[in-house]
N, C-alpha and C. Protein backbone atom coordinates (compact mmCIF):
# COMPACT_ATOMS: atom_id res chain seq x y z
N MET A 1 9.40 -2.52 23.60
CA MET A 1 9.81 -2.62 22.22
C MET A 1 9.47 -1.32 21.49
N ASP A 2 10.42 -0.74 20.76
CA ASP A 2 10.22 0.50 20.04
C ASP A 2 9.35 0.24 18.82
N SER A 3 8.28 1.04 18.65
CA SER A 3 7.38 0.83 17.53
C SER A 3 7.72 1.71 16.32
N ALA A 4 8.68 2.61 16.47
CA ALA A 4 9.09 3.45 15.35
C ALA A 4 9.95 2.61 14.40
N PRO A 5 9.70 2.74 13.10
CA PRO A 5 10.51 1.96 12.15
C PRO A 5 11.95 2.45 12.13
N PRO A 6 12.89 1.55 11.84
CA PRO A 6 14.28 1.99 11.69
C PRO A 6 14.38 3.05 10.59
N ASP A 7 15.30 3.97 10.74
CA ASP A 7 15.46 5.05 9.76
C ASP A 7 15.67 4.51 8.34
N ASP A 8 16.38 3.40 8.21
CA ASP A 8 16.64 2.83 6.88
C ASP A 8 15.38 2.32 6.20
N PHE A 9 14.28 2.18 6.94
CA PHE A 9 13.02 1.73 6.37
C PHE A 9 12.18 2.91 5.89
N ARG A 10 12.63 4.13 6.17
CA ARG A 10 11.91 5.34 5.78
C ARG A 10 12.47 5.87 4.47
N CYS A 11 11.58 6.37 3.63
CA CYS A 11 12.01 6.99 2.38
C CYS A 11 12.72 8.31 2.69
N PRO A 12 13.90 8.54 2.11
CA PRO A 12 14.61 9.80 2.36
C PRO A 12 13.86 11.03 1.86
N ILE A 13 12.93 10.85 0.95
CA ILE A 13 12.16 11.99 0.43
C ILE A 13 10.97 12.29 1.34
N SER A 14 10.14 11.29 1.58
CA SER A 14 8.90 11.50 2.34
C SER A 14 9.06 11.28 3.84
N LEU A 15 10.10 10.59 4.23
CA LEU A 15 10.35 10.18 5.62
C LEU A 15 9.30 9.19 6.12
N GLU A 16 8.51 8.62 5.20
CA GLU A 16 7.48 7.64 5.53
C GLU A 16 8.06 6.23 5.38
N LEU A 17 7.44 5.29 6.06
CA LEU A 17 7.81 3.89 5.93
C LEU A 17 7.60 3.47 4.48
N MET A 18 8.61 2.88 3.86
CA MET A 18 8.52 2.49 2.46
C MET A 18 7.70 1.21 2.32
N SER A 19 6.84 1.20 1.30
CA SER A 19 6.08 -0.02 1.02
C SER A 19 6.54 -0.65 -0.29
N ASP A 20 7.20 0.14 -1.15
CA ASP A 20 7.69 -0.36 -2.43
C ASP A 20 9.07 0.26 -2.70
N PRO A 21 10.10 -0.18 -1.94
CA PRO A 21 11.42 0.41 -2.11
C PRO A 21 12.05 0.05 -3.45
N VAL A 22 12.66 1.05 -4.08
CA VAL A 22 13.34 0.86 -5.36
C VAL A 22 14.71 1.52 -5.30
N ILE A 23 15.63 1.00 -6.11
CA ILE A 23 17.01 1.49 -6.12
C ILE A 23 17.24 2.28 -7.41
N LEU A 24 17.93 3.42 -7.27
CA LEU A 24 18.34 4.20 -8.43
C LEU A 24 19.73 3.77 -8.88
N CYS A 25 20.17 4.29 -10.03
CA CYS A 25 21.50 3.96 -10.54
C CYS A 25 22.61 4.43 -9.61
N THR A 26 22.31 5.32 -8.68
CA THR A 26 23.30 5.79 -7.71
C THR A 26 23.46 4.84 -6.53
N GLY A 27 22.57 3.82 -6.47
CA GLY A 27 22.60 2.88 -5.37
C GLY A 27 21.72 3.29 -4.20
N GLN A 28 21.08 4.45 -4.30
CA GLN A 28 20.21 4.94 -3.23
C GLN A 28 18.82 4.34 -3.37
N THR A 29 18.16 4.11 -2.23
CA THR A 29 16.82 3.53 -2.23
C THR A 29 15.79 4.55 -1.79
N TYR A 30 14.64 4.53 -2.50
CA TYR A 30 13.52 5.42 -2.22
C TYR A 30 12.23 4.62 -2.36
N ASP A 31 11.14 5.14 -1.80
CA ASP A 31 9.85 4.53 -2.05
C ASP A 31 9.44 4.91 -3.47
N ARG A 32 8.91 3.94 -4.21
CA ARG A 32 8.59 4.15 -5.63
C ARG A 32 7.73 5.40 -5.86
N SER A 33 6.67 5.56 -5.09
CA SER A 33 5.77 6.70 -5.32
C SER A 33 6.48 8.04 -5.10
N SER A 34 7.36 8.11 -4.13
CA SER A 34 8.07 9.36 -3.84
C SER A 34 9.06 9.71 -4.94
N ILE A 35 9.83 8.74 -5.41
CA ILE A 35 10.84 9.05 -6.44
C ILE A 35 10.15 9.29 -7.78
N GLN A 36 9.01 8.65 -8.02
CA GLN A 36 8.28 8.93 -9.25
C GLN A 36 7.76 10.37 -9.25
N ARG A 37 7.25 10.83 -8.11
CA ARG A 37 6.82 12.23 -8.02
C ARG A 37 8.01 13.17 -8.23
N TRP A 38 9.17 12.80 -7.69
CA TRP A 38 10.41 13.58 -7.86
C TRP A 38 10.71 13.72 -9.36
N PHE A 39 10.65 12.61 -10.08
CA PHE A 39 10.91 12.63 -11.53
C PHE A 39 9.84 13.42 -12.27
N GLU A 40 8.58 13.24 -11.88
CA GLU A 40 7.47 13.94 -12.55
C GLU A 40 7.58 15.46 -12.39
N SER A 41 8.26 15.91 -11.34
CA SER A 41 8.45 17.35 -11.14
C SER A 41 9.61 17.88 -11.99
N GLY A 42 10.23 16.99 -12.79
CA GLY A 42 11.29 17.41 -13.70
C GLY A 42 12.70 17.25 -13.18
N LYS A 43 12.86 16.77 -11.97
CA LYS A 43 14.20 16.62 -11.39
C LYS A 43 14.86 15.36 -11.94
N ARG A 44 16.14 15.49 -12.28
CA ARG A 44 16.92 14.35 -12.79
C ARG A 44 18.24 14.22 -12.05
N ILE A 45 18.19 14.49 -10.75
CA ILE A 45 19.35 14.28 -9.88
C ILE A 45 18.90 13.39 -8.73
N CYS A 46 19.85 12.70 -8.13
CA CYS A 46 19.56 11.86 -6.98
C CYS A 46 19.33 12.77 -5.77
N PRO A 47 18.21 12.63 -5.08
CA PRO A 47 17.95 13.50 -3.93
C PRO A 47 19.00 13.41 -2.82
N ASN A 48 19.59 12.24 -2.60
CA ASN A 48 20.58 12.09 -1.53
C ASN A 48 21.98 12.52 -1.95
N THR A 49 22.39 12.11 -3.14
CA THR A 49 23.77 12.36 -3.55
C THR A 49 23.92 13.61 -4.41
N THR A 50 22.82 14.10 -4.96
CA THR A 50 22.76 15.21 -5.92
C THR A 50 23.51 14.90 -7.22
N MET A 51 23.81 13.64 -7.45
CA MET A 51 24.45 13.23 -8.70
C MET A 51 23.43 13.26 -9.83
N PRO A 52 23.85 13.72 -11.02
CA PRO A 52 22.94 13.64 -12.17
C PRO A 52 22.62 12.17 -12.46
N LEU A 53 21.39 11.92 -12.82
CA LEU A 53 20.97 10.55 -13.11
C LEU A 53 21.04 10.30 -14.61
N HIS A 54 21.93 9.41 -15.00
CA HIS A 54 22.05 9.05 -16.41
C HIS A 54 21.03 7.97 -16.78
N ASP A 55 20.38 7.42 -15.78
CA ASP A 55 19.40 6.36 -15.98
C ASP A 55 18.33 6.50 -14.90
N THR A 56 17.09 6.57 -15.29
CA THR A 56 16.02 6.75 -14.30
C THR A 56 15.21 5.47 -14.09
N ARG A 57 15.75 4.35 -14.51
CA ARG A 57 15.06 3.08 -14.23
C ARG A 57 15.04 2.83 -12.73
N LEU A 58 13.96 2.21 -12.27
CA LEU A 58 13.79 1.89 -10.86
C LEU A 58 13.88 0.38 -10.69
N ILE A 59 14.82 -0.06 -9.88
CA ILE A 59 15.03 -1.47 -9.63
C ILE A 59 14.43 -1.83 -8.28
N PRO A 60 13.49 -2.79 -8.25
CA PRO A 60 12.90 -3.17 -6.96
C PRO A 60 13.97 -3.64 -5.96
N ASN A 61 13.85 -3.17 -4.73
CA ASN A 61 14.76 -3.58 -3.66
C ASN A 61 14.03 -4.65 -2.85
N TYR A 62 14.06 -5.88 -3.37
CA TYR A 62 13.31 -6.98 -2.75
C TYR A 62 13.80 -7.31 -1.34
N ALA A 63 15.10 -7.22 -1.13
CA ALA A 63 15.64 -7.55 0.20
C ALA A 63 15.10 -6.57 1.25
N LEU A 64 15.15 -5.28 0.94
CA LEU A 64 14.65 -4.28 1.89
C LEU A 64 13.13 -4.41 2.05
N ARG A 65 12.44 -4.67 0.96
CA ARG A 65 10.98 -4.85 1.04
C ARG A 65 10.64 -5.99 2.00
N SER A 66 11.39 -7.07 1.92
CA SER A 66 11.16 -8.22 2.80
C SER A 66 11.42 -7.84 4.26
N LEU A 67 12.51 -7.12 4.51
CA LEU A 67 12.83 -6.70 5.89
C LEU A 67 11.75 -5.77 6.45
N ILE A 68 11.28 -4.84 5.62
CA ILE A 68 10.23 -3.92 6.06
C ILE A 68 8.95 -4.69 6.34
N SER A 69 8.63 -5.64 5.48
CA SER A 69 7.43 -6.44 5.67
C SER A 69 7.49 -7.24 6.97
N GLN A 70 8.66 -7.82 7.24
CA GLN A 70 8.84 -8.57 8.49
C GLN A 70 8.68 -7.65 9.69
N TRP A 71 9.29 -6.47 9.63
CA TRP A 71 9.19 -5.51 10.72
C TRP A 71 7.73 -5.11 10.93
N ALA A 72 7.03 -4.81 9.82
CA ALA A 72 5.65 -4.37 9.91
C ALA A 72 4.76 -5.45 10.53
N GLN A 73 4.98 -6.69 10.13
CA GLN A 73 4.18 -7.79 10.67
C GLN A 73 4.44 -7.95 12.17
N THR A 74 5.70 -7.86 12.58
CA THR A 74 6.06 -7.98 13.99
C THR A 74 5.45 -6.86 14.83
N HIS A 75 5.34 -5.67 14.25
CA HIS A 75 4.86 -4.50 14.98
C HIS A 75 3.39 -4.16 14.69
N GLY A 76 2.70 -5.02 13.95
CA GLY A 76 1.28 -4.80 13.68
C GLY A 76 1.00 -3.60 12.80
N VAL A 77 1.91 -3.30 11.88
CA VAL A 77 1.74 -2.16 10.98
C VAL A 77 1.21 -2.67 9.65
N ASP A 78 0.14 -2.04 9.18
CA ASP A 78 -0.45 -2.41 7.89
C ASP A 78 0.17 -1.55 6.80
N LEU A 79 0.95 -2.18 5.93
CA LEU A 79 1.62 -1.43 4.87
C LEU A 79 0.67 -0.96 3.78
N LYS A 80 -0.56 -1.43 3.79
CA LYS A 80 -1.53 -1.02 2.78
C LYS A 80 -2.27 0.26 3.17
N ARG A 81 -2.15 0.67 4.44
CA ARG A 81 -2.80 1.90 4.88
C ARG A 81 -2.12 3.09 4.23
N PRO A 82 -2.81 4.24 4.17
CA PRO A 82 -2.18 5.45 3.64
C PRO A 82 -0.91 5.77 4.42
N ALA A 83 0.04 6.37 3.72
CA ALA A 83 1.36 6.63 4.30
C ALA A 83 1.30 7.41 5.61
N ALA A 84 0.37 8.34 5.76
CA ALA A 84 0.33 9.17 6.96
C ALA A 84 0.17 8.34 8.22
N GLY A 85 -0.43 7.17 8.12
CA GLY A 85 -0.64 6.35 9.30
C GLY A 85 0.43 5.30 9.51
N ARG A 86 1.48 5.28 8.68
CA ARG A 86 2.44 4.20 8.73
C ARG A 86 3.80 4.57 9.30
N HIS A 87 4.06 5.79 9.53
CA HIS A 87 5.44 6.17 9.82
C HIS A 87 5.85 6.02 11.28
N GLY A 88 4.99 5.59 12.14
CA GLY A 88 5.36 5.47 13.55
C GLY A 88 5.52 6.86 14.14
N SER A 89 6.46 7.02 15.05
CA SER A 89 6.65 8.33 15.63
C SER A 89 7.26 9.27 14.60
N PRO A 90 6.85 10.53 14.60
CA PRO A 90 7.37 11.46 13.61
C PRO A 90 8.85 11.71 13.81
N PRO A 91 9.55 12.07 12.74
CA PRO A 91 10.96 12.38 12.88
C PRO A 91 11.14 13.61 13.76
N SER A 92 12.28 13.73 14.39
CA SER A 92 12.54 14.90 15.23
C SER A 92 12.63 16.14 14.37
N GLY A 93 12.50 17.30 15.00
CA GLY A 93 12.63 18.55 14.27
C GLY A 93 13.98 18.67 13.60
N HIS A 94 15.03 18.17 14.26
CA HIS A 94 16.37 18.22 13.69
C HIS A 94 16.45 17.38 12.42
N GLU A 95 15.88 16.16 12.46
CA GLU A 95 15.88 15.29 11.28
C GLU A 95 15.13 15.95 10.13
N THR A 96 13.99 16.54 10.43
CA THR A 96 13.19 17.18 9.40
C THR A 96 13.95 18.34 8.78
N LEU A 97 14.60 19.16 9.61
CA LEU A 97 15.37 20.29 9.09
C LEU A 97 16.55 19.82 8.24
N GLN A 98 17.21 18.74 8.66
CA GLN A 98 18.34 18.21 7.88
C GLN A 98 17.87 17.76 6.50
N LYS A 99 16.75 17.04 6.44
CA LYS A 99 16.21 16.57 5.16
C LYS A 99 15.79 17.75 4.29
N LEU A 100 15.16 18.76 4.89
CA LEU A 100 14.75 19.93 4.15
C LEU A 100 15.97 20.66 3.59
N LYS A 101 17.00 20.80 4.40
CA LYS A 101 18.23 21.45 3.96
C LYS A 101 18.84 20.70 2.78
N GLN A 102 18.89 19.37 2.88
CA GLN A 102 19.44 18.56 1.79
C GLN A 102 18.63 18.75 0.51
N THR A 103 17.33 18.76 0.65
CA THR A 103 16.48 18.92 -0.53
C THR A 103 16.67 20.29 -1.15
N LEU A 104 16.71 21.34 -0.32
CA LEU A 104 16.89 22.69 -0.84
C LEU A 104 18.25 22.84 -1.52
N GLU A 105 19.28 22.20 -0.99
CA GLU A 105 20.60 22.29 -1.59
C GLU A 105 20.62 21.68 -2.99
N THR A 106 19.76 20.69 -3.24
CA THR A 106 19.72 20.08 -4.56
C THR A 106 19.04 20.99 -5.57
N LEU A 107 18.27 21.95 -5.09
CA LEU A 107 17.52 22.82 -5.98
C LEU A 107 18.30 24.06 -6.39
N VAL A 108 19.36 24.37 -5.68
CA VAL A 108 20.15 25.58 -6.02
C VAL A 108 21.39 25.26 -6.78
């Protein structure tokens, strides 16, 4: 059985397993702490779509939270531990470079 979480359970910003997934007005989901840090840094665009955000309210994604919780329980993952210990196997170098490229493109 693969112990790495499905990619959809990882925050697109931090690449860590999400413990508090929230949805933006663009329909994209992020972990609350990661998107809050994104906003605190002054950014007002969606990290995935690069669309300007006309609304920065965060809507809890209860369905995804439940799926992540079920996965974590099945795989013995404690969602209360610090994020560094929750992500399972690290993303590949290619995945990391793709995410970095996407992030950098939003900044230019």
